[in-house]
Amino acid sequence: MVAQRLSIEGKVRPFPGAVASLDHFRYREAEEVEARMVVEQPTISLYCLDHANRRAIFVETPPDVNLTHAPFYNIAQYDAALGLIAVSYDTVHRLAEDVALEPQRIILIYNVGRCGSTLVHNALNQIDGVCSIAEPDVFTQLIALRGMGGSNDAEVSDLARDCAKVMYGGARSGGAVVWSVKFRGVGIELGDLLYHHFPEAKVVFLYRNAVGWAKSAGRAFGIYDSRFQKALPRTQQFFALFNPLVRAYSTTHTTPMPPVELLGSLWAAVMDRCLQLQGQGVPMFCMRYEDLQTAPRQVLNAMFAFCNLTVNDPAKIDRIVVQDSQAGTRLSQATLQEATSAMPADDVVALPGLIQHYSAGLTPTLIVPHTFRLA
């Protein structure tokens, strides 16, 4: 099986949070290589899809760069990329067929964002034999590719399955026995497809009170900054690719969503999808940010037990718990403490009504079924 090496001549990503894309590189085609290397060499990892040309793009990174330690896998891949390898979809499917899969050793972490999921990711990486990655963007792309009404679900489903298998195979070749992936907040939109292919995988869901979440998200992403107002239409257009509520609003309104409606729709869509997955019989371990803040070790230990994981060195977990999981990034605690914009009181009051408008069964303080409760 043959793949195409691409030599990087420049990096042109518009901003750090942009969804991974081949367009973020200037490159030229180089020599052909053996495709199997993308699942056998630990310095090569799946980065994104070039769907227009029906190929997957892998990045080569230096051997001293540990991508699993990064709070944002896709950003670390981009920053460290030395070269690219393009593999056709047909070849990806063939490579995936050769991966010996143990689905019970896969952990899928869905979340609303701003809820402690990076802490969970970091804690998992302290356990012997676990390889956890945070926010690989190939799955984010697949959500955007998934057509409304499921018109292309078959293709997206096959790609989700085989991209996961190839990434799992790469982790196993690097010595891991358990592979965990923490998705972006929109990742739960693939939950039904991944459950179809990996029903034995361990599913974890993190969430938090809607008001606390909205205040945190608004501060983290500057939604109430005056500068953000100019970017609001573009931001809405971006989220419409992944969020069904934002997409529905965009098709029925000619004006941008008010910030509080954007925040409410982002929270409600994820929570609603969690309840839908549970209704479809997906077993999951759910945890609240508030409980993770109050008793982190108790909550983490319960999650480890759910995932059949053994912690041989508890001190490693203790050290992770007291650290800022996103230190050194634009979402670090130090950076967010400098944020000056806050959610207006009127928006705080309006949020519960908006959430119930989006989904009658949701409330800002909802505790979803199968949530771990502190003793």
Protein backbone atom coordinates (compact mmCIF):
# COMPACT_ATOMS: atom_id res chain seq x y z
CA MET A 1 0.00 0.00 0.00
CA VAL A 2 1.31 3.39 -1.04
CA ALA A 3 1.01 6.82 0.58
CA GLN A 4 2.22 10.25 -0.53
CA ARG A 5 4.66 12.27 1.50
CA LEU A 6 4.00 16.04 1.52
CA SER A 7 6.83 18.43 2.39
CA ILE A 8 5.78 21.40 4.50
CA GLU A 9 6.87 24.77 3.11
CA GLY A 10 4.86 26.97 5.47
CA LYS A 11 2.23 27.00 8.20
CA VAL A 12 -0.73 29.34 7.71
CA ARG A 13 -3.36 28.37 10.29
CA PRO A 14 -5.60 31.43 10.89
CA PHE A 15 -5.90 30.98 14.68
CA PRO A 16 -5.06 28.27 17.26
CA GLY A 17 -8.63 27.02 17.75
CA ALA A 18 -9.31 26.52 14.05
CA VAL A 19 -10.45 23.02 13.13
CA ALA A 20 -7.51 21.11 11.65
CA SER A 21 -7.23 21.36 7.87
CA LEU A 22 -4.69 20.63 5.16
CA ASP A 23 -5.27 24.24 4.06
CA HIS A 24 -3.32 25.33 7.14
CA PHE A 25 -0.10 24.21 5.42
CA ARG A 26 1.73 25.27 2.31
CA TYR A 27 3.23 22.07 0.94
CA ARG A 28 4.56 20.26 -2.10
CA GLU A 29 4.26 16.62 -3.03
CA ALA A 30 7.35 14.53 -2.36
CA GLU A 31 8.13 10.83 -2.62
CA GLU A 32 5.79 7.88 -2.21
CA VAL A 33 6.14 5.84 0.99
CA GLU A 34 4.76 2.63 2.45
CA ALA A 35 1.36 3.44 3.93
CA ARG A 36 1.66 0.98 6.78
CA MET A 37 4.16 3.28 8.47
CA VAL A 38 1.30 5.53 9.66
CA VAL A 39 0.11 2.85 12.09
CA GLU A 40 3.54 1.48 12.97
CA GLN A 41 5.63 4.56 13.73
CA PRO A 42 4.81 6.41 16.98
CA THR A 43 5.98 9.73 15.51
CA ILE A 44 3.19 9.67 12.91
CA SER A 45 -0.40 10.51 13.86
CA LEU A 46 -3.71 11.16 12.10
CA TYR A 47 -4.29 14.91 11.84
CA CYS A 48 -7.23 15.65 9.53
CA LEU A 49 -9.15 14.69 6.42
CA ASP A 50 -8.75 16.16 2.95
CA HIS A 51 -12.27 15.14 2.00
CA ALA A 52 -12.29 16.87 -1.37
CA ASN A 53 -9.50 14.53 -2.45
CA ARG A 54 -10.72 11.59 -0.33
CA ARG A 55 -7.58 11.17 1.70
CA ALA A 56 -6.49 11.30 5.33
CA ILE A 57 -3.58 13.51 6.36
CA PHE A 58 -1.08 12.32 8.94
CA VAL A 59 1.62 14.45 10.56
CA GLU A 60 5.18 13.50 11.40
CA THR A 61 6.47 14.98 14.65
CA PRO A 62 9.84 14.81 16.47
CA PRO A 63 10.40 11.76 18.69
CA ASP A 64 10.84 13.95 21.77
CA VAL A 65 7.35 15.49 21.40
CA ASN A 66 4.72 13.62 23.40
CA LEU A 67 1.40 14.61 21.87
CA THR A 68 -0.60 12.80 24.53
CA HIS A 69 0.56 15.30 27.17
CA ALA A 70 -0.94 18.23 25.24
CA PRO A 71 -4.25 19.75 26.38
CA PHE A 72 -5.11 20.20 22.70
CA TYR A 73 -3.82 17.35 20.53
CA ASN A 74 -4.60 19.06 17.22
CA ILE A 75 -2.71 22.22 18.18
CA ALA A 76 0.32 20.24 19.36
CA GLN A 77 0.32 18.26 16.11
CA TYR A 78 0.27 21.42 14.03
CA ASP A 79 2.95 23.19 16.03
CA ALA A 80 5.31 20.20 15.98
CA ALA A 81 4.63 18.99 12.43
CA LEU A 82 7.78 18.27 10.43
CA GLY A 83 6.04 16.72 7.44
CA LEU A 84 2.77 15.30 6.18
CA ILE A 85 1.68 11.97 4.74
CA ALA A 86 -1.47 11.66 2.62
CA VAL A 87 -3.27 8.31 2.64
CA SER A 88 -6.29 7.58 0.45
CA TYR A 89 -9.56 6.67 2.13
CA ASP A 90 -9.42 3.23 0.49
CA THR A 91 -6.02 2.62 2.03
CA VAL A 92 -7.18 3.86 5.45
CA HIS A 93 -10.00 1.33 5.34
CA ARG A 94 -7.55 -1.44 4.41
CA LEU A 95 -5.16 -0.45 7.20
CA ALA A 96 -8.03 -0.46 9.68
CA GLU A 97 -8.98 -4.00 8.69
CA ASP A 98 -5.60 -5.18 9.98
CA VAL A 99 -5.94 -3.55 13.41
CA ALA A 100 -6.60 -6.10 16.15
CA LEU A 101 -9.29 -4.29 18.11
CA GLU A 102 -10.24 -4.72 21.75
CA PRO A 103 -13.19 -2.30 22.02
CA GLN A 104 -13.50 -2.73 25.78
CA ARG A 105 -10.10 -1.01 25.99
CA ILE A 106 -11.40 2.16 24.33
CA ILE A 107 -12.60 5.12 26.42
CA LEU A 108 -14.72 7.82 24.75
CA ILE A 109 -14.98 11.09 26.70
CA TYR A 110 -17.81 13.42 25.73
CA ASN A 111 -18.31 16.76 27.43
CA VAL A 112 -19.95 20.19 27.28
CA GLY A 113 -16.57 21.93 27.55
CA ARG A 114 -15.35 24.07 30.47
CA CYS A 115 -16.16 21.16 32.79
CA GLY A 116 -12.90 19.47 33.83
CA SER A 117 -12.52 17.12 30.88
CA THR A 118 -8.87 18.10 30.37
CA LEU A 119 -8.19 17.16 33.98
CA VAL A 120 -9.75 13.76 33.33
CA HIS A 121 -7.63 13.37 30.20
CA ASN A 122 -4.46 14.23 32.14
CA ALA A 123 -5.38 11.88 34.97
CA LEU A 124 -5.87 8.99 32.56
CA ASN A 125 -2.41 9.57 31.14
CA GLN A 126 -0.93 8.93 34.59
CA ILE A 127 -2.14 5.32 34.54
CA ASP A 128 0.23 2.66 33.24
CA GLY A 129 -0.70 1.44 29.77
CA VAL A 130 -3.19 4.24 28.99
CA CYS A 131 -2.79 6.57 26.01
CA SER A 132 -5.24 9.47 26.21
CA ILE A 133 -5.48 12.16 23.55
CA ALA A 134 -7.43 15.41 23.83
CA GLU A 135 -9.40 16.84 20.92
CA PRO A 136 -8.14 15.11 17.78
CA ASP A 137 -9.84 17.08 15.04
CA VAL A 138 -10.53 14.34 12.53
CA PHE A 139 -13.71 13.63 14.50
CA THR A 140 -14.65 17.31 14.53
CA GLN A 141 -14.36 17.31 10.75
CA LEU A 142 -16.56 14.24 10.49
CA ILE A 143 -19.32 16.02 12.41
CA ALA A 144 -19.21 18.86 9.89
CA LEU A 145 -19.27 16.34 7.04
CA ARG A 146 -22.28 14.52 8.46
CA GLY A 147 -25.22 15.65 6.38
CA MET A 148 -28.47 16.90 7.83
CA GLY A 149 -30.97 14.07 7.97
CA GLY A 150 -28.25 11.44 7.85
CA SER A 151 -27.91 11.50 4.06
CA ASN A 152 -24.23 10.52 4.19
CA ASP A 153 -24.21 8.67 7.50
CA ALA A 154 -22.90 5.48 5.89
CA GLU A 155 -19.69 7.12 4.68
CA VAL A 156 -19.19 9.19 7.83
CA SER A 157 -19.82 6.09 9.94
CA ASP A 158 -17.21 4.07 8.06
CA LEU A 159 -14.68 6.89 8.33
CA ALA A 160 -15.35 7.38 12.05
CA ARG A 161 -14.86 3.65 12.65
CA ASP A 162 -11.68 3.32 10.64
CA CYS A 163 -10.08 6.58 11.74
CA ALA A 164 -10.62 5.44 15.32
CA LYS A 165 -9.16 2.02 14.56
CA VAL A 166 -6.09 3.49 12.87
CA MET A 167 -5.51 5.84 15.82
CA TYR A 168 -6.08 2.96 18.24
CA GLY A 169 -3.59 0.86 16.26
CA GLY A 170 -1.02 3.64 16.44
CA ALA A 171 -1.44 3.87 20.21
CA ARG A 172 -1.05 0.10 20.56
CA SER A 173 2.12 0.14 18.46
CA GLY A 174 3.47 2.74 20.88
CA GLY A 175 2.96 0.38 23.81
CA ALA A 176 -0.48 1.42 25.10
CA VAL A 177 -3.10 -1.17 26.01
CA VAL A 178 -5.94 1.33 26.59
CA TRP A 179 -6.79 4.16 24.18
CA SER A 180 -8.82 7.13 25.38
CA VAL A 181 -10.05 10.09 23.36
CA LYS A 182 -11.48 13.31 24.78
CA PHE A 183 -13.49 15.07 22.12
CA ARG A 184 -14.23 18.73 21.61
CA GLY A 185 -17.59 19.70 23.07
CA VAL A 186 -19.33 18.94 19.77
CA GLY A 187 -17.88 15.42 19.68
CA ILE A 188 -21.00 13.84 21.16
CA GLU A 189 -22.68 14.39 17.78
CA LEU A 190 -20.81 11.25 16.65
CA GLY A 191 -21.83 9.30 19.75
CA ASP A 192 -24.45 7.16 18.03
CA LEU A 193 -22.12 6.13 15.20
CA LEU A 194 -19.24 5.30 17.53
CA TYR A 195 -21.56 3.30 19.80
CA HIS A 196 -22.73 1.33 16.76
CA HIS A 197 -19.15 0.31 15.98
CA PHE A 198 -17.74 0.08 19.51
CA PRO A 199 -20.62 -0.89 21.84
CA GLU A 200 -18.18 -2.26 24.41
CA ALA A 201 -16.20 0.99 24.66
CA LYS A 202 -16.38 2.84 27.96
CA VAL A 203 -18.33 6.08 27.57
CA VAL A 204 -17.73 8.97 29.96
CA PHE A 205 -19.73 12.22 29.97
CA LEU A 206 -18.82 15.44 31.80
CA TYR A 207 -21.08 18.43 32.28
CA ARG A 208 -21.84 21.33 34.59
CA ASN A 209 -24.61 23.70 35.67
CA ALA A 210 -25.65 25.78 32.66
CA VAL A 211 -25.24 29.18 34.32
CA GLY A 212 -21.75 28.41 35.62
CA TRP A 213 -20.87 26.92 32.25
CA ALA A 214 -22.13 29.95 30.31
CA LYS A 215 -20.22 32.38 32.52
CA SER A 216 -17.04 30.33 32.12
CA ALA A 217 -17.44 29.85 28.37
CA GLY A 218 -18.33 33.49 27.85
CA ARG A 219 -15.17 34.55 29.69
CA ALA A 220 -12.95 31.94 28.03
CA PHE A 221 -13.95 32.81 24.49
CA GLY A 222 -14.53 36.51 24.98
CA ILE A 223 -18.14 36.27 23.86
CA TYR A 224 -19.07 39.45 25.70
CA ASP A 225 -16.03 41.44 24.56
CA SER A 226 -16.91 44.36 22.32
CA ARG A 227 -14.47 43.02 19.72
CA PHE A 228 -16.35 39.73 19.60
CA GLN A 229 -19.56 41.37 18.41
CA LYS A 230 -18.03 41.99 14.99
CA ALA A 231 -17.06 38.34 14.77
CA LEU A 232 -20.42 37.01 15.97
CA PRO A 233 -21.84 36.22 12.48
CA ARG A 234 -18.69 34.30 11.57
CA THR A 235 -18.73 32.48 14.92
CA GLN A 236 -22.36 31.52 14.42
CA GLN A 237 -21.57 30.24 10.94
CA PHE A 238 -18.75 28.14 12.39
CA PHE A 239 -20.89 26.55 15.10
CA ALA A 240 -23.70 25.89 12.63
CA LEU A 241 -21.42 23.28 11.07
CA PHE A 242 -21.49 21.21 14.26
CA ASN A 243 -24.46 22.24 16.40
CA PRO A 244 -28.01 21.42 15.26
CA LEU A 245 -29.59 24.21 17.32
CA VAL A 246 -27.29 26.89 15.90
CA ARG A 247 -27.87 25.46 12.44
CA ALA A 248 -31.66 25.60 12.90
CA TYR A 249 -31.48 29.22 14.10
CA SER A 250 -29.32 30.18 11.14
CA THR A 251 -31.85 28.81 8.66
CA THR A 252 -34.76 30.77 10.14
CA HIS A 253 -33.14 34.10 11.07
CA THR A 254 -31.28 36.72 9.08
CA THR A 255 -29.73 38.40 12.12
CA PRO A 256 -26.92 36.96 14.29
CA MET A 257 -27.76 35.01 17.43
CA PRO A 258 -27.51 37.09 20.60
CA PRO A 259 -24.59 35.84 22.73
CA VAL A 260 -26.87 34.33 25.38
CA GLU A 261 -28.75 32.33 22.73
CA LEU A 262 -25.48 31.09 21.26
CA LEU A 263 -24.29 29.97 24.69
CA GLY A 264 -27.63 28.38 25.54
CA SER A 265 -27.75 26.43 22.29
CA LEU A 266 -24.21 25.12 22.71
CA TRP A 267 -24.96 23.77 26.21
CA ALA A 268 -28.44 22.46 25.40
CA ALA A 269 -27.44 20.56 22.26
CA VAL A 270 -24.77 18.56 24.08
CA MET A 271 -26.99 17.81 27.06
CA ASP A 272 -29.86 16.79 24.80
CA ARG A 273 -27.59 14.47 22.83
CA CYS A 274 -26.41 12.84 26.05
CA LEU A 275 -30.02 12.09 27.01
CA GLN A 276 -30.73 10.76 23.51
CA LEU A 277 -27.76 8.39 23.69
CA GLN A 278 -28.91 7.13 27.07
CA GLY A 279 -32.36 6.59 25.59
CA GLN A 280 -30.74 4.47 22.89
CA GLY A 281 -29.22 2.28 25.58
CA VAL A 282 -25.66 3.64 25.62
CA PRO A 283 -24.17 2.85 29.06
CA MET A 284 -22.11 5.70 30.41
CA PHE A 285 -20.44 7.14 33.47
CA CYS A 286 -21.53 10.75 33.98
CA MET A 287 -19.81 13.25 36.23
CA ARG A 288 -20.49 16.84 37.18
CA TYR A 289 -17.83 19.55 37.19
CA GLU A 290 -19.13 20.69 40.57
CA ASP A 291 -18.45 17.26 42.09
CA LEU A 292 -15.08 17.03 40.38
CA GLN A 293 -14.16 20.33 42.01
CA THR A 294 -15.42 19.25 45.44
CA ALA A 295 -13.96 15.73 45.61
CA PRO A 296 -11.74 15.10 42.58
CA ARG A 297 -10.16 11.88 43.80
CA GLN A 298 -13.48 10.33 44.75
CA VAL A 299 -14.98 11.11 41.35
CA LEU A 300 -11.87 10.04 39.43
CA ASN A 301 -11.58 6.79 41.37
CA ALA A 302 -15.18 5.96 40.51
CA MET A 303 -14.49 6.66 36.84
CA PHE A 304 -11.35 4.52 36.92
CA ALA A 305 -13.40 1.65 38.36
CA PHE A 306 -16.04 2.08 35.65
CA CYS A 307 -13.29 1.88 33.01
CA ASN A 308 -11.66 -1.16 34.69
CA LEU A 309 -8.42 0.74 35.28
CA THR A 310 -5.94 0.17 38.09
CA VAL A 311 -3.96 3.08 39.52
CA ASN A 312 -0.53 1.83 40.60
CA ASP A 313 0.83 5.23 41.66
CA PRO A 314 -1.89 7.38 43.30
CA ALA A 315 0.64 10.18 43.90
CA LYS A 316 0.68 10.88 40.16
CA ILE A 317 -3.06 11.50 40.22
CA ASP A 318 -2.71 13.72 43.28
CA ARG A 319 -0.18 15.90 41.47
CA ILE A 320 -2.42 16.25 38.42
CA VAL A 321 -5.45 17.25 40.47
CA VAL A 322 -3.77 20.39 41.85
CA GLN A 323 -2.36 21.56 38.51
CA ASP A 324 -3.96 23.83 35.94
CA SER A 325 -4.83 21.33 33.20
CA GLN A 326 -4.63 23.99 30.50
CA ALA A 327 -1.54 25.84 31.73
CA GLY A 328 0.40 27.53 28.96
CA THR A 329 -2.63 27.88 26.68
CA ARG A 330 -5.01 30.75 25.98
CA LEU A 331 -7.49 28.98 28.29
CA SER A 332 -5.18 28.78 31.30
CA GLN A 333 -6.49 29.93 34.67
CA ALA A 334 -3.97 32.78 34.72
CA THR A 335 -5.12 34.04 31.33
CA LEU A 336 -8.82 33.82 32.17
CA GLN A 337 -8.31 35.72 35.41
CA GLU A 338 -7.29 38.68 33.26
CA ALA A 339 -10.54 38.56 31.26
CA THR A 340 -12.66 41.64 31.91
CA SER A 341 -15.92 40.80 30.15
CA ALA A 342 -18.66 39.08 32.12
CA MET A 343 -22.09 37.68 31.36
CA PRO A 344 -24.68 40.43 31.95
CA ALA A 345 -27.24 39.84 34.70
CA ASP A 346 -30.11 40.02 32.19
CA ASP A 347 -28.57 37.17 30.21
CA VAL A 348 -28.17 35.08 33.36
CA VAL A 349 -31.89 35.55 34.03
CA ALA A 350 -32.84 34.75 30.42
CA LEU A 351 -30.73 31.60 30.08
CA PRO A 352 -33.08 29.07 31.80
CA GLY A 353 -36.01 30.05 29.59
CA LEU A 354 -33.91 29.79 26.45
CA ILE A 355 -32.69 26.33 27.42
CA GLN A 356 -36.24 25.08 27.95
CA HIS A 357 -37.21 26.61 24.62
CA TYR A 358 -34.52 24.51 22.95
CA SER A 359 -35.51 21.34 24.81
CA ALA A 360 -38.46 21.16 27.21
CA GLY A 361 -36.80 18.43 29.28
CA LEU A 362 -33.72 20.47 30.12
CA THR A 363 -33.11 22.75 33.07
CA PRO A 364 -29.85 24.55 33.94
CA THR A 365 -29.39 22.39 37.06
CA LEU A 366 -30.38 19.08 35.48
CA ILE A 367 -28.58 16.01 36.82
CA VAL A 368 -28.62 13.45 34.03
CA PRO A 369 -29.21 9.75 34.73
CA HIS A 370 -26.14 7.66 35.59
CA THR A 371 -24.38 10.62 37.18
CA PHE A 372 -21.97 9.64 39.94
CA ARG A 373 -23.12 11.14 43.24
CA LEU A 374 -20.78 11.97 46.08
CA ALA A 375 -21.24 9.94 49.24
